N, C-alpha and C. Protein backbone atom coordinates (compact mmCIF):
# COMPACT_ATOMS: atom_id res chain seq x y z
N MET A 1 0.69 -0.32 11.89
CA MET A 1 1.09 -0.59 13.27
C MET A 1 0.31 0.30 14.19
N THR A 2 -0.27 -0.24 15.24
CA THR A 2 -1.02 0.54 16.22
C THR A 2 -0.15 0.77 17.43
N VAL A 3 0.02 2.02 17.79
CA VAL A 3 0.85 2.37 18.93
C VAL A 3 0.00 3.11 19.93
N ILE A 4 0.02 2.67 21.17
CA ILE A 4 -0.73 3.34 22.24
C ILE A 4 0.25 4.06 23.13
N SER A 5 0.12 5.37 23.22
CA SER A 5 1.02 6.16 24.03
C SER A 5 0.37 6.45 25.38
N ARG A 6 1.15 6.29 26.42
CA ARG A 6 0.65 6.64 27.76
C ARG A 6 0.96 8.10 28.02
N ILE A 7 -0.06 8.89 28.37
CA ILE A 7 0.12 10.31 28.62
C ILE A 7 0.39 10.50 30.11
N VAL A 8 1.49 11.18 30.42
CA VAL A 8 1.91 11.37 31.81
C VAL A 8 1.64 12.81 32.22
N THR A 9 0.91 12.98 33.33
CA THR A 9 0.66 14.31 33.88
C THR A 9 1.54 14.50 35.11
N LEU A 10 2.37 15.53 35.10
CA LEU A 10 3.30 15.76 36.20
C LEU A 10 2.69 16.79 37.17
N ASN A 11 2.63 16.43 38.46
CA ASN A 11 2.12 17.32 39.51
C ASN A 11 3.30 17.77 40.36
N PRO A 12 3.71 19.05 40.28
CA PRO A 12 4.89 19.52 41.01
C PRO A 12 4.75 19.42 42.51
N TRP A 13 3.50 19.39 43.03
CA TRP A 13 3.30 19.35 44.48
C TRP A 13 3.51 17.97 45.05
N MET A 14 3.70 16.96 44.20
CA MET A 14 3.87 15.60 44.69
C MET A 14 5.27 15.08 44.42
N MET A 15 6.23 16.03 44.27
CA MET A 15 7.59 15.63 43.94
C MET A 15 8.55 15.90 45.08
N THR A 16 8.02 16.13 46.30
CA THR A 16 8.89 16.45 47.42
C THR A 16 9.52 15.20 48.02
N VAL A 17 8.88 14.04 47.87
CA VAL A 17 9.39 12.81 48.42
C VAL A 17 9.84 11.91 47.28
N GLY A 18 11.03 11.37 47.41
CA GLY A 18 11.55 10.48 46.37
C GLY A 18 11.70 11.20 45.04
N MET A 19 12.15 12.48 45.09
CA MET A 19 12.20 13.27 43.87
C MET A 19 13.11 12.66 42.82
N THR A 20 14.24 12.15 43.24
CA THR A 20 15.19 11.60 42.27
C THR A 20 14.60 10.41 41.54
N GLN A 21 13.96 9.48 42.33
CA GLN A 21 13.34 8.30 41.71
C GLN A 21 12.22 8.70 40.77
N ASP A 22 11.39 9.67 41.19
CA ASP A 22 10.27 10.09 40.35
C ASP A 22 10.75 10.73 39.06
N LEU A 23 11.80 11.56 39.17
CA LEU A 23 12.32 12.20 37.98
C LEU A 23 12.85 11.18 36.98
N ARG A 24 13.53 10.15 37.52
CA ARG A 24 14.04 9.10 36.63
C ARG A 24 12.88 8.37 35.95
N LEU A 25 11.83 8.04 36.75
CA LEU A 25 10.68 7.34 36.20
C LEU A 25 9.99 8.19 35.14
N ASN A 26 9.78 9.48 35.49
CA ASN A 26 9.11 10.36 34.54
C ASN A 26 9.93 10.56 33.28
N SER A 27 11.25 10.61 33.44
CA SER A 27 12.13 10.75 32.29
C SER A 27 12.02 9.55 31.37
N LEU A 28 11.96 8.35 31.96
CA LEU A 28 11.83 7.13 31.16
C LEU A 28 10.49 7.11 30.43
N MET A 29 9.41 7.51 31.16
CA MET A 29 8.09 7.52 30.53
C MET A 29 8.02 8.54 29.40
N ALA A 30 8.60 9.73 29.64
CA ALA A 30 8.62 10.75 28.60
C ALA A 30 9.39 10.27 27.38
N LYS A 31 10.50 9.59 27.63
CA LYS A 31 11.30 9.07 26.53
C LYS A 31 10.50 8.04 25.73
N GLU A 32 9.73 7.21 26.46
CA GLU A 32 8.91 6.20 25.79
C GLU A 32 7.85 6.86 24.91
N ILE A 33 7.22 7.94 25.45
CA ILE A 33 6.19 8.64 24.68
C ILE A 33 6.79 9.24 23.41
N ILE A 34 7.96 9.86 23.54
CA ILE A 34 8.62 10.46 22.37
C ILE A 34 8.93 9.40 21.33
N GLU A 35 9.44 8.25 21.78
CA GLU A 35 9.77 7.18 20.85
C GLU A 35 8.52 6.64 20.18
N ASN A 36 7.43 6.52 20.95
CA ASN A 36 6.18 6.05 20.36
C ASN A 36 5.68 7.00 19.28
N HIS A 37 5.77 8.30 19.56
CA HIS A 37 5.33 9.26 18.56
C HIS A 37 6.24 9.22 17.34
N ARG A 38 7.53 8.97 17.54
CA ARG A 38 8.43 8.83 16.41
C ARG A 38 8.04 7.64 15.54
N GLU A 39 7.65 6.53 16.21
CA GLU A 39 7.21 5.35 15.46
C GLU A 39 5.96 5.66 14.68
N MET A 40 5.03 6.42 15.30
CA MET A 40 3.80 6.77 14.61
C MET A 40 4.10 7.65 13.40
N ASP A 41 4.99 8.66 13.57
CA ASP A 41 5.36 9.53 12.47
C ASP A 41 6.03 8.74 11.36
N SER A 42 6.91 7.82 11.75
CA SER A 42 7.60 6.99 10.76
C SER A 42 6.61 6.14 10.00
N ASP A 43 5.61 5.59 10.72
CA ASP A 43 4.60 4.75 10.08
C ASP A 43 3.81 5.56 9.06
N MET A 44 3.41 6.78 9.43
CA MET A 44 2.64 7.61 8.52
C MET A 44 3.47 8.01 7.31
N THR A 45 4.77 8.32 7.53
CA THR A 45 5.65 8.66 6.42
C THR A 45 5.75 7.48 5.46
N GLY A 46 5.82 6.28 6.01
CA GLY A 46 5.90 5.09 5.18
C GLY A 46 4.68 4.90 4.31
N LEU A 47 3.53 5.39 4.77
CA LEU A 47 2.31 5.29 3.99
C LEU A 47 2.26 6.34 2.89
N LYS A 48 2.97 7.44 3.06
CA LYS A 48 2.94 8.51 2.08
C LYS A 48 3.94 8.31 0.95
N GLU A 49 5.00 7.60 1.24
CA GLU A 49 6.02 7.37 0.21
C GLU A 49 6.79 6.08 0.53
N PHE A 50 7.01 5.28 -0.50
CA PHE A 50 7.70 4.01 -0.30
C PHE A 50 8.48 3.71 -1.57
N ALA A 51 9.76 3.40 -1.44
CA ALA A 51 10.61 3.20 -2.62
C ALA A 51 11.39 1.90 -2.52
N ARG A 52 11.29 1.08 -3.57
CA ARG A 52 12.09 -0.13 -3.72
C ARG A 52 12.12 -0.55 -5.18
N TYR A 53 13.18 -1.28 -5.55
CA TYR A 53 13.29 -1.84 -6.90
C TYR A 53 13.25 -0.77 -8.00
N GLY A 54 13.76 0.41 -7.69
CA GLY A 54 13.77 1.49 -8.67
C GLY A 54 12.45 2.19 -8.83
N VAL A 55 11.45 1.78 -8.04
CA VAL A 55 10.10 2.33 -8.11
C VAL A 55 9.82 3.15 -6.86
N LYS A 56 9.15 4.27 -7.04
CA LYS A 56 8.73 5.07 -5.89
C LYS A 56 7.22 5.19 -5.91
N LEU A 57 6.59 4.83 -4.80
CA LEU A 57 5.15 4.98 -4.63
C LEU A 57 4.92 6.24 -3.80
N VAL A 58 4.24 7.22 -4.39
CA VAL A 58 4.00 8.50 -3.72
C VAL A 58 2.50 8.71 -3.58
N ALA A 59 2.07 9.02 -2.36
CA ALA A 59 0.63 9.19 -2.11
C ALA A 59 0.01 10.14 -3.12
N LEU A 60 -1.12 9.75 -3.66
CA LEU A 60 -1.81 10.53 -4.68
C LEU A 60 -2.16 11.91 -4.15
N ALA A 61 -1.88 12.95 -4.95
CA ALA A 61 -2.13 14.34 -4.56
C ALA A 61 -3.17 14.97 -5.47
N GLN A 62 -3.69 16.11 -5.04
CA GLN A 62 -4.71 16.82 -5.81
C GLN A 62 -4.25 17.09 -7.24
N ASP A 63 -3.00 17.47 -7.40
CA ASP A 63 -2.48 17.80 -8.73
C ASP A 63 -2.38 16.58 -9.65
N ASP A 64 -2.50 15.37 -9.09
CA ASP A 64 -2.36 14.16 -9.88
C ASP A 64 -3.68 13.65 -10.45
N ILE A 65 -4.78 14.04 -9.84
CA ILE A 65 -6.01 13.27 -10.06
C ILE A 65 -6.61 13.43 -11.46
N GLU A 66 -6.39 14.57 -12.13
CA GLU A 66 -6.92 14.70 -13.47
C GLU A 66 -6.15 13.81 -14.45
N MET A 67 -4.84 13.76 -14.31
CA MET A 67 -4.05 12.86 -15.13
C MET A 67 -4.45 11.42 -14.89
N VAL A 68 -4.62 11.05 -13.63
CA VAL A 68 -5.01 9.69 -13.27
C VAL A 68 -6.40 9.37 -13.81
N ARG A 69 -7.30 10.35 -13.77
CA ARG A 69 -8.65 10.14 -14.30
C ARG A 69 -8.60 9.83 -15.79
N GLN A 70 -7.78 10.56 -16.53
CA GLN A 70 -7.66 10.32 -17.96
C GLN A 70 -7.04 8.96 -18.23
N TRP A 71 -6.06 8.58 -17.44
CA TRP A 71 -5.47 7.24 -17.58
C TRP A 71 -6.55 6.18 -17.35
N ARG A 72 -7.30 6.35 -16.27
CA ARG A 72 -8.29 5.34 -15.87
C ARG A 72 -9.39 5.19 -16.91
N ASN A 73 -9.76 6.28 -17.59
CA ASN A 73 -10.81 6.22 -18.60
C ASN A 73 -10.33 5.73 -19.95
N ASP A 74 -9.03 5.66 -20.15
CA ASP A 74 -8.49 5.15 -21.41
C ASP A 74 -8.89 3.68 -21.56
N PRO A 75 -9.43 3.29 -22.71
CA PRO A 75 -9.88 1.90 -22.89
C PRO A 75 -8.80 0.86 -22.58
N LYS A 76 -7.54 1.18 -22.80
CA LYS A 76 -6.50 0.17 -22.54
C LYS A 76 -6.39 -0.14 -21.05
N ILE A 77 -6.87 0.77 -20.20
CA ILE A 77 -6.91 0.52 -18.76
C ILE A 77 -8.32 0.13 -18.33
N ALA A 78 -9.30 0.90 -18.76
CA ALA A 78 -10.68 0.66 -18.33
C ALA A 78 -11.17 -0.73 -18.68
N ASP A 79 -10.77 -1.23 -19.83
CA ASP A 79 -11.23 -2.56 -20.28
C ASP A 79 -10.72 -3.68 -19.38
N LEU A 80 -9.69 -3.42 -18.59
CA LEU A 80 -9.13 -4.44 -17.71
C LEU A 80 -9.70 -4.37 -16.29
N MET A 81 -10.51 -3.34 -16.03
CA MET A 81 -11.04 -3.12 -14.69
C MET A 81 -12.32 -3.92 -14.46
N LEU A 82 -12.55 -4.29 -13.21
CA LEU A 82 -13.82 -4.93 -12.86
C LEU A 82 -14.97 -3.93 -13.03
N ASP A 83 -14.72 -2.68 -12.65
CA ASP A 83 -15.70 -1.61 -12.83
C ASP A 83 -15.25 -0.74 -14.00
N LYS A 84 -15.99 -0.79 -15.08
CA LYS A 84 -15.60 -0.08 -16.31
C LYS A 84 -16.33 1.26 -16.46
N THR A 85 -16.94 1.75 -15.40
CA THR A 85 -17.69 3.00 -15.45
C THR A 85 -16.79 4.17 -15.83
N HIS A 86 -17.27 5.01 -16.74
CA HIS A 86 -16.55 6.23 -17.10
C HIS A 86 -16.55 7.18 -15.91
N ILE A 87 -15.41 7.76 -15.59
CA ILE A 87 -15.29 8.62 -14.42
C ILE A 87 -15.24 10.08 -14.86
N THR A 88 -16.17 10.87 -14.36
CA THR A 88 -16.21 12.30 -14.65
C THR A 88 -15.29 13.05 -13.70
N ARG A 89 -15.01 14.30 -14.02
CA ARG A 89 -14.18 15.13 -13.14
C ARG A 89 -14.82 15.27 -11.76
N GLU A 90 -16.14 15.46 -11.77
CA GLU A 90 -16.86 15.61 -10.50
C GLU A 90 -16.76 14.35 -9.64
N LYS A 91 -16.96 13.20 -10.26
CA LYS A 91 -16.85 11.94 -9.51
C LYS A 91 -15.44 11.73 -9.00
N GLN A 92 -14.45 12.09 -9.80
CA GLN A 92 -13.06 11.93 -9.38
C GLN A 92 -12.74 12.81 -8.19
N GLN A 93 -13.23 14.05 -8.22
CA GLN A 93 -12.98 14.96 -7.11
C GLN A 93 -13.68 14.49 -5.84
N GLN A 94 -14.91 14.01 -5.98
CA GLN A 94 -15.63 13.50 -4.82
C GLN A 94 -14.92 12.29 -4.22
N TRP A 95 -14.44 11.40 -5.08
CA TRP A 95 -13.71 10.23 -4.61
C TRP A 95 -12.44 10.64 -3.88
N PHE A 96 -11.71 11.61 -4.44
CA PHE A 96 -10.46 12.04 -3.82
C PHE A 96 -10.72 12.71 -2.47
N ALA A 97 -11.80 13.46 -2.37
CA ALA A 97 -12.15 14.10 -1.09
C ALA A 97 -12.42 13.04 -0.03
N ARG A 98 -13.14 11.98 -0.40
CA ARG A 98 -13.40 10.89 0.57
C ARG A 98 -12.11 10.19 0.95
N LEU A 99 -11.22 10.05 -0.01
CA LEU A 99 -9.95 9.35 0.23
C LEU A 99 -9.12 10.02 1.33
N GLN A 100 -9.24 11.34 1.45
CA GLN A 100 -8.44 12.06 2.44
C GLN A 100 -8.77 11.66 3.87
N HIS A 101 -9.96 11.12 4.07
CA HIS A 101 -10.39 10.74 5.43
C HIS A 101 -10.38 9.23 5.64
N ALA A 102 -10.02 8.50 4.61
CA ALA A 102 -10.05 7.04 4.70
C ALA A 102 -8.85 6.51 5.47
N LYS A 103 -9.09 5.51 6.29
CA LYS A 103 -8.01 4.85 7.05
C LYS A 103 -7.76 3.44 6.54
N ASP A 104 -8.56 3.00 5.57
CA ASP A 104 -8.45 1.62 5.11
C ASP A 104 -8.11 1.52 3.62
N GLN A 105 -7.71 2.63 3.02
CA GLN A 105 -7.30 2.57 1.62
C GLN A 105 -6.27 3.65 1.33
N PHE A 106 -5.32 3.29 0.48
CA PHE A 106 -4.21 4.17 0.15
C PHE A 106 -3.92 4.07 -1.35
N TYR A 107 -3.84 5.22 -2.01
CA TYR A 107 -3.58 5.25 -3.45
C TYR A 107 -2.27 5.99 -3.72
N TYR A 108 -1.51 5.46 -4.68
CA TYR A 108 -0.19 6.00 -4.96
C TYR A 108 0.00 6.24 -6.46
N LEU A 109 0.71 7.33 -6.76
CA LEU A 109 1.22 7.52 -8.10
C LEU A 109 2.54 6.78 -8.18
N VAL A 110 2.70 5.96 -9.21
CA VAL A 110 3.91 5.16 -9.38
C VAL A 110 4.92 5.94 -10.21
N TRP A 111 6.11 6.14 -9.66
CA TRP A 111 7.19 6.82 -10.38
C TRP A 111 8.30 5.83 -10.72
N PHE A 112 8.81 5.96 -11.93
CA PHE A 112 9.95 5.14 -12.36
C PHE A 112 10.83 6.00 -13.27
N LYS A 113 12.10 6.08 -12.93
CA LYS A 113 13.05 6.92 -13.68
C LYS A 113 12.54 8.35 -13.82
N ASP A 114 12.10 8.90 -12.69
CA ASP A 114 11.64 10.29 -12.60
C ASP A 114 10.43 10.58 -13.50
N GLN A 115 9.62 9.56 -13.76
CA GLN A 115 8.44 9.71 -14.60
C GLN A 115 7.25 9.00 -13.97
N PRO A 116 6.08 9.64 -13.89
CA PRO A 116 4.89 8.93 -13.41
C PRO A 116 4.42 7.94 -14.47
N ILE A 117 4.26 6.67 -14.08
CA ILE A 117 3.93 5.65 -15.08
C ILE A 117 2.66 4.88 -14.78
N GLY A 118 2.07 5.06 -13.61
CA GLY A 118 0.88 4.29 -13.29
C GLY A 118 0.36 4.58 -11.90
N VAL A 119 -0.53 3.73 -11.44
CA VAL A 119 -1.19 3.89 -10.14
C VAL A 119 -1.16 2.57 -9.40
N ALA A 120 -0.94 2.65 -8.09
CA ALA A 120 -0.98 1.46 -7.23
C ALA A 120 -1.84 1.77 -6.02
N SER A 121 -2.46 0.74 -5.45
CA SER A 121 -3.36 0.99 -4.32
C SER A 121 -3.39 -0.19 -3.37
N LEU A 122 -3.75 0.12 -2.14
CA LEU A 122 -4.09 -0.89 -1.13
C LEU A 122 -5.45 -0.50 -0.59
N ILE A 123 -6.46 -1.35 -0.78
CA ILE A 123 -7.80 -1.04 -0.30
C ILE A 123 -8.27 -2.14 0.65
N LYS A 124 -9.36 -1.85 1.34
CA LYS A 124 -9.92 -2.78 2.33
C LYS A 124 -8.83 -3.24 3.31
N VAL A 125 -8.01 -2.28 3.73
CA VAL A 125 -6.92 -2.59 4.66
C VAL A 125 -7.50 -2.83 6.04
N ASN A 126 -7.21 -4.00 6.58
CA ASN A 126 -7.67 -4.36 7.93
C ASN A 126 -6.46 -4.85 8.71
N ARG A 127 -5.92 -3.98 9.53
CA ARG A 127 -4.71 -4.35 10.28
C ARG A 127 -5.01 -5.31 11.42
N ASP A 128 -6.26 -5.32 11.88
CA ASP A 128 -6.62 -6.24 12.97
C ASP A 128 -6.52 -7.69 12.53
N VAL A 129 -7.01 -7.98 11.32
CA VAL A 129 -6.94 -9.36 10.82
C VAL A 129 -5.78 -9.57 9.86
N GLY A 130 -5.14 -8.46 9.43
CA GLY A 130 -3.90 -8.57 8.67
C GLY A 130 -4.05 -8.81 7.18
N HIS A 131 -5.05 -8.18 6.54
CA HIS A 131 -5.14 -8.38 5.09
C HIS A 131 -5.65 -7.13 4.38
N CYS A 132 -5.50 -7.11 3.05
CA CYS A 132 -6.00 -6.03 2.21
C CYS A 132 -6.08 -6.52 0.77
N GLU A 133 -6.53 -5.65 -0.12
CA GLU A 133 -6.58 -5.95 -1.54
C GLU A 133 -5.69 -4.95 -2.29
N PRO A 134 -4.58 -5.39 -2.84
CA PRO A 134 -3.73 -4.48 -3.62
C PRO A 134 -4.25 -4.38 -5.05
N GLY A 135 -3.88 -3.29 -5.70
CA GLY A 135 -4.23 -3.12 -7.11
C GLY A 135 -3.20 -2.22 -7.77
N MET A 136 -3.04 -2.34 -9.07
CA MET A 136 -2.08 -1.52 -9.79
C MET A 136 -2.36 -1.57 -11.28
N TYR A 137 -1.93 -0.54 -11.98
CA TYR A 137 -1.86 -0.59 -13.42
C TYR A 137 -0.73 0.31 -13.89
N ILE A 138 -0.13 -0.08 -14.99
CA ILE A 138 0.92 0.70 -15.63
C ILE A 138 0.31 1.32 -16.88
N TYR A 139 0.38 2.64 -16.98
CA TYR A 139 -0.21 3.31 -18.12
C TYR A 139 0.78 3.49 -19.27
N VAL A 140 2.02 3.80 -18.96
CA VAL A 140 3.02 4.09 -19.99
C VAL A 140 3.40 2.80 -20.71
N ASP A 141 3.15 2.76 -22.01
CA ASP A 141 3.34 1.53 -22.80
C ASP A 141 4.75 0.96 -22.69
N GLU A 142 5.72 1.82 -22.60
CA GLU A 142 7.12 1.38 -22.55
C GLU A 142 7.40 0.44 -21.38
N TYR A 143 6.61 0.54 -20.33
CA TYR A 143 6.87 -0.23 -19.12
C TYR A 143 5.78 -1.25 -18.80
N ARG A 144 4.93 -1.56 -19.76
CA ARG A 144 3.81 -2.46 -19.48
C ARG A 144 4.14 -3.94 -19.66
N ASN A 145 5.15 -4.24 -20.46
CA ASN A 145 5.40 -5.65 -20.80
C ASN A 145 6.85 -6.04 -20.60
N ASN A 146 7.41 -5.63 -19.46
CA ASN A 146 8.78 -6.01 -19.13
C ASN A 146 8.88 -6.28 -17.62
N ILE A 147 10.03 -6.08 -17.05
CA ILE A 147 10.22 -6.39 -15.64
C ILE A 147 9.61 -5.33 -14.71
N VAL A 148 9.31 -4.15 -15.25
CA VAL A 148 8.86 -3.04 -14.41
C VAL A 148 7.57 -3.35 -13.64
N PRO A 149 6.55 -3.98 -14.25
CA PRO A 149 5.36 -4.31 -13.45
C PRO A 149 5.68 -5.18 -12.22
N PHE A 150 6.67 -6.06 -12.35
CA PHE A 150 7.08 -6.85 -11.17
C PHE A 150 7.71 -5.93 -10.12
N CYS A 151 8.49 -4.94 -10.56
CA CYS A 151 9.08 -4.00 -9.61
C CYS A 151 8.00 -3.27 -8.83
N VAL A 152 6.97 -2.84 -9.55
CA VAL A 152 5.86 -2.12 -8.90
C VAL A 152 5.11 -3.05 -7.93
N ALA A 153 4.80 -4.25 -8.40
CA ALA A 153 4.07 -5.21 -7.55
C ALA A 153 4.88 -5.57 -6.32
N PHE A 154 6.18 -5.78 -6.48
CA PHE A 154 7.02 -6.14 -5.33
C PHE A 154 7.06 -4.99 -4.32
N ALA A 155 7.21 -3.76 -4.80
CA ALA A 155 7.23 -2.61 -3.89
C ALA A 155 5.90 -2.51 -3.14
N LEU A 156 4.80 -2.69 -3.85
CA LEU A 156 3.48 -2.60 -3.23
C LEU A 156 3.27 -3.72 -2.22
N ASN A 157 3.67 -4.93 -2.59
CA ASN A 157 3.53 -6.07 -1.68
C ASN A 157 4.32 -5.84 -0.40
N GLU A 158 5.52 -5.31 -0.54
CA GLU A 158 6.36 -5.13 0.64
C GLU A 158 5.91 -3.95 1.49
N LEU A 159 5.27 -2.97 0.87
CA LEU A 159 4.63 -1.93 1.67
C LEU A 159 3.54 -2.55 2.53
N ALA A 160 2.79 -3.49 1.95
CA ALA A 160 1.71 -4.14 2.69
C ALA A 160 2.25 -5.07 3.78
N PHE A 161 3.18 -5.94 3.39
CA PHE A 161 3.68 -6.95 4.32
C PHE A 161 4.59 -6.35 5.40
N GLU A 162 5.50 -5.48 4.99
CA GLU A 162 6.48 -4.95 5.93
C GLU A 162 6.06 -3.60 6.51
N GLY A 163 5.57 -2.71 5.65
CA GLY A 163 5.19 -1.39 6.13
C GLY A 163 3.95 -1.41 7.01
N LEU A 164 2.96 -2.23 6.62
CA LEU A 164 1.71 -2.29 7.39
C LEU A 164 1.61 -3.54 8.26
N GLY A 165 2.54 -4.47 8.08
CA GLY A 165 2.54 -5.68 8.91
C GLY A 165 1.42 -6.65 8.59
N LEU A 166 0.92 -6.64 7.35
CA LEU A 166 -0.16 -7.54 6.96
C LEU A 166 0.38 -8.93 6.64
N SER A 167 -0.51 -9.91 6.59
CA SER A 167 -0.09 -11.29 6.36
C SER A 167 -0.71 -11.91 5.11
N GLN A 168 -1.79 -11.33 4.61
CA GLN A 168 -2.46 -11.87 3.42
C GLN A 168 -2.93 -10.74 2.51
N LEU A 169 -2.75 -10.96 1.20
CA LEU A 169 -3.25 -10.03 0.20
C LEU A 169 -4.24 -10.79 -0.69
N PHE A 170 -5.35 -10.16 -1.02
CA PHE A 170 -6.38 -10.81 -1.82
C PHE A 170 -6.55 -10.11 -3.16
N GLY A 171 -6.83 -10.92 -4.20
CA GLY A 171 -7.02 -10.37 -5.53
C GLY A 171 -8.20 -11.02 -6.24
N LYS A 172 -8.75 -10.29 -7.23
CA LYS A 172 -9.87 -10.80 -8.03
C LYS A 172 -9.49 -10.64 -9.50
N ILE A 173 -9.50 -11.74 -10.24
CA ILE A 173 -9.09 -11.72 -11.65
C ILE A 173 -10.02 -12.61 -12.46
N PHE A 174 -10.54 -12.07 -13.56
CA PHE A 174 -11.34 -12.91 -14.44
C PHE A 174 -10.44 -13.91 -15.17
N ALA A 175 -10.92 -15.12 -15.29
CA ALA A 175 -10.15 -16.18 -15.94
C ALA A 175 -9.78 -15.82 -17.36
N SER A 176 -10.60 -14.98 -18.01
CA SER A 176 -10.32 -14.58 -19.39
C SER A 176 -9.11 -13.67 -19.50
N ASN A 177 -8.71 -13.04 -18.39
CA ASN A 177 -7.54 -12.16 -18.39
C ASN A 177 -6.30 -12.99 -18.06
N GLN A 178 -5.88 -13.79 -19.01
CA GLN A 178 -4.80 -14.74 -18.76
C GLN A 178 -3.47 -14.07 -18.45
N ALA A 179 -3.22 -12.92 -19.05
CA ALA A 179 -1.96 -12.22 -18.77
C ALA A 179 -1.89 -11.85 -17.29
N SER A 180 -3.00 -11.36 -16.74
CA SER A 180 -3.03 -10.99 -15.33
C SER A 180 -2.95 -12.23 -14.44
N VAL A 181 -3.61 -13.31 -14.85
CA VAL A 181 -3.54 -14.56 -14.08
C VAL A 181 -2.10 -15.03 -13.99
N ARG A 182 -1.40 -15.07 -15.12
CA ARG A 182 0.00 -15.53 -15.12
C ARG A 182 0.88 -14.62 -14.28
N PHE A 183 0.64 -13.32 -14.38
CA PHE A 183 1.43 -12.36 -13.61
C PHE A 183 1.25 -12.59 -12.11
N HIS A 184 0.01 -12.71 -11.66
CA HIS A 184 -0.26 -12.90 -10.24
C HIS A 184 0.28 -14.25 -9.74
N GLU A 185 0.15 -15.27 -10.54
CA GLU A 185 0.69 -16.57 -10.14
C GLU A 185 2.21 -16.52 -10.03
N ALA A 186 2.85 -15.76 -10.92
CA ALA A 186 4.31 -15.61 -10.85
C ALA A 186 4.72 -14.87 -9.59
N CYS A 187 3.82 -14.01 -9.07
CA CYS A 187 4.10 -13.27 -7.83
C CYS A 187 3.79 -14.09 -6.58
N GLY A 188 3.23 -15.30 -6.77
CA GLY A 188 2.96 -16.17 -5.63
C GLY A 188 1.51 -16.30 -5.25
N TYR A 189 0.61 -15.65 -5.97
CA TYR A 189 -0.82 -15.75 -5.65
C TYR A 189 -1.33 -17.16 -5.92
N ARG A 190 -2.31 -17.57 -5.11
CA ARG A 190 -2.92 -18.90 -5.24
C ARG A 190 -4.43 -18.75 -5.40
N LEU A 191 -4.97 -19.44 -6.41
CA LEU A 191 -6.42 -19.43 -6.64
C LEU A 191 -7.10 -20.28 -5.57
N TYR A 192 -8.11 -19.73 -4.90
CA TYR A 192 -8.82 -20.52 -3.89
C TYR A 192 -10.31 -20.66 -4.18
N GLU A 193 -10.81 -19.89 -5.17
CA GLU A 193 -12.22 -20.04 -5.53
C GLU A 193 -12.46 -19.41 -6.90
N THR A 194 -13.33 -20.02 -7.69
CA THR A 194 -13.75 -19.44 -8.96
C THR A 194 -15.26 -19.31 -8.96
N ARG A 195 -15.75 -18.11 -9.19
CA ARG A 195 -17.19 -17.87 -9.18
C ARG A 195 -17.81 -18.25 -10.52
N GLU A 196 -19.13 -18.32 -10.54
CA GLU A 196 -19.84 -18.74 -11.74
C GLU A 196 -19.58 -17.82 -12.93
N ASP A 197 -19.33 -16.53 -12.66
CA ASP A 197 -19.09 -15.59 -13.74
C ASP A 197 -17.64 -15.61 -14.23
N GLY A 198 -16.85 -16.56 -13.70
CA GLY A 198 -15.46 -16.69 -14.13
C GLY A 198 -14.48 -15.83 -13.36
N LEU A 199 -14.96 -15.14 -12.33
CA LEU A 199 -14.07 -14.32 -11.51
C LEU A 199 -13.31 -15.22 -10.53
N GLY A 200 -11.99 -15.19 -10.63
CA GLY A 200 -11.16 -15.99 -9.75
C GLY A 200 -10.75 -15.21 -8.51
N LEU A 201 -10.82 -15.84 -7.36
CA LEU A 201 -10.41 -15.22 -6.10
C LEU A 201 -9.06 -15.79 -5.70
N TYR A 202 -8.12 -14.89 -5.47
CA TYR A 202 -6.73 -15.29 -5.20
C TYR A 202 -6.27 -14.76 -3.86
N VAL A 203 -5.30 -15.46 -3.28
CA VAL A 203 -4.70 -15.01 -2.03
C VAL A 203 -3.18 -15.13 -2.14
N LEU A 204 -2.50 -14.15 -1.56
CA LEU A 204 -1.04 -14.17 -1.50
C LEU A 204 -0.62 -14.07 -0.04
N GLU A 205 0.16 -15.04 0.42
CA GLU A 205 0.64 -15.03 1.79
C GLU A 205 2.13 -14.70 1.81
N ARG A 206 2.59 -14.21 2.94
CA ARG A 206 3.96 -13.70 3.03
C ARG A 206 4.99 -14.70 2.52
N GLU A 207 4.93 -15.93 3.02
CA GLU A 207 5.95 -16.93 2.67
C GLU A 207 5.93 -17.23 1.18
N ALA A 208 4.73 -17.35 0.61
CA ALA A 208 4.61 -17.62 -0.82
C ALA A 208 5.15 -16.46 -1.64
N TYR A 209 4.89 -15.25 -1.18
CA TYR A 209 5.39 -14.08 -1.90
C TYR A 209 6.91 -14.04 -1.93
N PHE A 210 7.54 -14.18 -0.78
CA PHE A 210 9.00 -14.06 -0.72
C PHE A 210 9.67 -15.19 -1.50
N ALA A 211 9.05 -16.37 -1.53
CA ALA A 211 9.59 -17.47 -2.33
C ALA A 211 9.49 -17.15 -3.82
N ALA A 212 8.36 -16.59 -4.24
CA ALA A 212 8.17 -16.23 -5.65
C ALA A 212 9.08 -15.07 -6.03
N ARG A 213 9.22 -14.12 -5.15
CA ARG A 213 10.06 -12.96 -5.43
C ARG A 213 11.50 -13.36 -5.69
N ALA A 214 11.99 -14.35 -4.93
CA ALA A 214 13.38 -14.77 -5.07
C ALA A 214 13.70 -15.26 -6.48
N LYS A 215 12.71 -15.82 -7.16
CA LYS A 215 12.94 -16.34 -8.50
C LYS A 215 13.05 -15.24 -9.55
N ILE A 216 12.46 -14.08 -9.25
CA ILE A 216 12.40 -13.00 -10.23
C ILE A 216 13.34 -11.85 -9.88
N ALA A 217 13.54 -11.60 -8.59
CA ALA A 217 14.31 -10.44 -8.16
C ALA A 217 15.74 -10.44 -8.71
N ARG A 218 16.30 -11.59 -8.99
CA ARG A 218 17.66 -11.66 -9.50
C ARG A 218 17.78 -11.03 -10.88
N PHE A 219 16.64 -10.84 -11.57
CA PHE A 219 16.67 -10.20 -12.89
C PHE A 219 16.48 -8.69 -12.81
N ILE A 220 16.17 -8.18 -11.62
CA ILE A 220 15.93 -6.75 -11.46
C ILE A 220 17.27 -6.04 -11.26
N ARG A 221 17.50 -5.02 -12.04
CA ARG A 221 18.78 -4.31 -12.00
C ARG A 221 18.60 -2.85 -11.57
N TYR A 222 17.50 -2.56 -10.92
CA TYR A 222 17.24 -1.18 -10.52
C TYR A 222 17.49 -1.00 -9.03
């Protein structure tokens, strides 16, 4: 959400005429500025932490990145990625340093039952046109093949749709990754193009997501 605050400069030498009216006007403007800043603070807090469906998404911190790097390099995760490059500690630190200044991407450590279980992200965030590319993976085997991935995806989707006010989410999935294809289709994603290399391009719109969520959310007990 973009909030524009009007900054009011008060000149005491111009308050001799109509002082009561001016004070009321200035009070209203000051109140508006305070409320706008509260909205901005609330928006930023929402980007740092978001919790739904028993899942908590917490902005990735320095202390997390080595664990995340090891998860990402594990073949069970790396083999599912579009980019399978091995990540060194130096590359991970450089990436994290750039992330601190980014306004169009957000990475989260996924917590479930007081345990970090994976990573979720929103990249290529464009609030002007209302879209981004979400991503996630669950590292802990116990939670990879049950309802929990849907809990994570739903929380991430709603952070995008409700927290950031976006209207479309885009995804890229190779046709050979049928488990991921089925998962995304169950979440409401629609295939709109398939490239020659078998990479499928998908889009998820708000209405389709909420319709798909309704079919699955009744099974969530968290």
